[in-house]
């Protein structure tokens, strides 16, 4: 039980940053996206994006896969379980602001 609570605390701590919420919003709007595209759309430096990504990965909220030379991100089932459908929909709606910007470049 203590281990489960510790994991839950880590997940909630990872959600405690506007930058990480923006990354998750982007991914909820457009899953499996290259890291660089997300960082560019959110106007985040590479180092800042890497920092926030590490926290999200350690909390088990996003997963990274490789597609050739690209590293792509997607949300995990753990995030889907953590957030209610209403919150996921609101975040995805917010994320479309950034996905529409990145798809036009």
Protein backbone atom coordinates (compact mmCIF):
# COMPACT_ATOMS: atom_id res chain seq x y z
CA UNK A 1 0.00 0.00 0.00
CA UNK A 2 2.77 2.47 0.84
CA UNK A 3 4.44 1.83 -2.51
CA UNK A 4 1.20 2.53 -4.36
CA UNK A 5 0.74 5.78 -2.45
CA UNK A 6 4.31 6.79 -3.23
CA UNK A 7 3.71 6.19 -6.94
CA UNK A 8 0.49 8.18 -6.78
CA UNK A 9 2.28 11.04 -5.03
CA UNK A 10 4.96 11.01 -7.74
CA UNK A 11 2.28 11.19 -10.43
CA UNK A 12 0.51 14.10 -8.78
CA UNK A 13 3.82 15.91 -8.27
CA UNK A 14 4.57 15.52 -11.98
CA UNK A 15 1.26 17.22 -12.75
CA UNK A 16 2.25 20.20 -10.60
CA UNK A 17 3.83 22.25 -13.37
CA UNK A 18 2.22 24.33 -16.11
CA UNK A 19 4.92 23.25 -18.57
CA UNK A 20 4.27 19.56 -17.92
CA UNK A 21 0.51 20.11 -18.19
CA UNK A 22 1.14 21.76 -21.58
CA UNK A 23 3.19 18.77 -22.75
CA UNK A 24 0.44 16.40 -21.66
CA UNK A 25 -2.21 18.60 -23.30
CA UNK A 26 -0.33 18.44 -26.57
CA UNK A 27 -0.03 14.66 -26.34
CA UNK A 28 -3.69 14.22 -25.47
CA UNK A 29 -4.58 16.24 -28.57
CA UNK A 30 -2.10 14.44 -30.84
CA UNK A 31 -0.62 11.23 -29.52
CA UNK A 32 2.75 9.81 -30.58
CA UNK A 33 4.51 13.01 -31.55
CA UNK A 34 8.24 13.70 -32.01
CA UNK A 35 9.82 15.39 -29.00
CA UNK A 36 11.26 18.24 -31.04
CA UNK A 37 7.90 19.15 -32.51
CA UNK A 38 6.35 19.43 -29.06
CA UNK A 39 9.19 21.54 -27.66
CA UNK A 40 9.03 23.85 -30.67
CA UNK A 41 5.25 24.23 -30.53
CA UNK A 42 5.41 25.07 -26.82
CA UNK A 43 8.39 27.44 -27.37
CA UNK A 44 10.41 25.47 -24.83
CA UNK A 45 14.19 25.23 -24.86
CA UNK A 46 15.66 21.78 -25.36
CA UNK A 47 17.03 21.69 -21.83
CA UNK A 48 13.74 22.79 -20.25
CA UNK A 49 11.79 20.27 -22.33
CA UNK A 50 14.20 17.48 -21.39
CA UNK A 51 13.87 18.35 -17.71
CA UNK A 52 10.07 18.24 -17.77
CA UNK A 53 10.03 15.14 -19.95
CA UNK A 54 12.25 13.28 -17.50
CA UNK A 55 9.84 14.02 -14.66
CA UNK A 56 6.85 12.86 -16.71
CA UNK A 57 8.65 9.67 -17.74
CA UNK A 58 9.79 8.89 -14.19
CA UNK A 59 6.19 9.28 -13.03
CA UNK A 60 5.10 6.86 -15.74
CA UNK A 61 2.77 9.37 -17.42
CA UNK A 62 4.44 9.40 -20.84
CA UNK A 63 6.35 6.84 -22.84
CA UNK A 64 9.05 7.40 -25.43
CA UNK A 65 9.38 5.28 -28.54
CA UNK A 66 11.74 5.47 -31.45
CA UNK A 67 10.68 5.93 -35.05
CA UNK A 68 13.88 5.87 -37.04
CA UNK A 69 15.91 8.80 -35.75
CA UNK A 70 12.92 10.45 -34.05
CA UNK A 71 11.98 10.00 -30.42
CA UNK A 72 8.21 10.11 -30.14
CA UNK A 73 6.10 10.57 -27.04
CA UNK A 74 2.70 9.27 -26.09
CA UNK A 75 0.62 9.20 -22.94
CA UNK A 76 0.49 5.99 -20.94
CA UNK A 77 -2.50 4.11 -19.57
CA UNK A 78 -1.42 5.36 -16.12
CA UNK A 79 -2.26 8.93 -17.15
CA UNK A 80 -5.56 7.79 -18.63
CA UNK A 81 -6.43 6.15 -15.28
CA UNK A 82 -5.30 9.13 -13.23
CA UNK A 83 -7.37 11.77 -15.01
CA UNK A 84 -11.12 11.76 -15.41
CA UNK A 85 -12.52 11.81 -18.96
CA UNK A 86 -13.66 15.41 -18.46
CA UNK A 87 -10.18 16.58 -17.51
CA UNK A 88 -8.58 14.62 -20.37
CA UNK A 89 -11.02 16.21 -22.82
CA UNK A 90 -10.33 19.72 -21.48
CA UNK A 91 -6.58 19.18 -21.71
CA UNK A 92 -6.88 17.77 -25.24
CA UNK A 93 -8.95 20.80 -26.22
CA UNK A 94 -6.23 23.09 -24.87
CA UNK A 95 -3.59 21.01 -26.62
CA UNK A 96 -5.14 21.62 -30.03
CA UNK A 97 -3.93 25.23 -29.76
CA UNK A 98 -0.34 23.99 -29.96
CA UNK A 99 -0.87 21.07 -32.31
CA UNK A 100 -2.47 23.31 -34.90
CA UNK A 101 0.53 25.65 -34.71
CA UNK A 102 3.05 22.84 -35.12
CA UNK A 103 1.22 21.19 -38.02
CA UNK A 104 1.35 24.40 -40.07
CA UNK A 105 5.15 24.64 -39.87
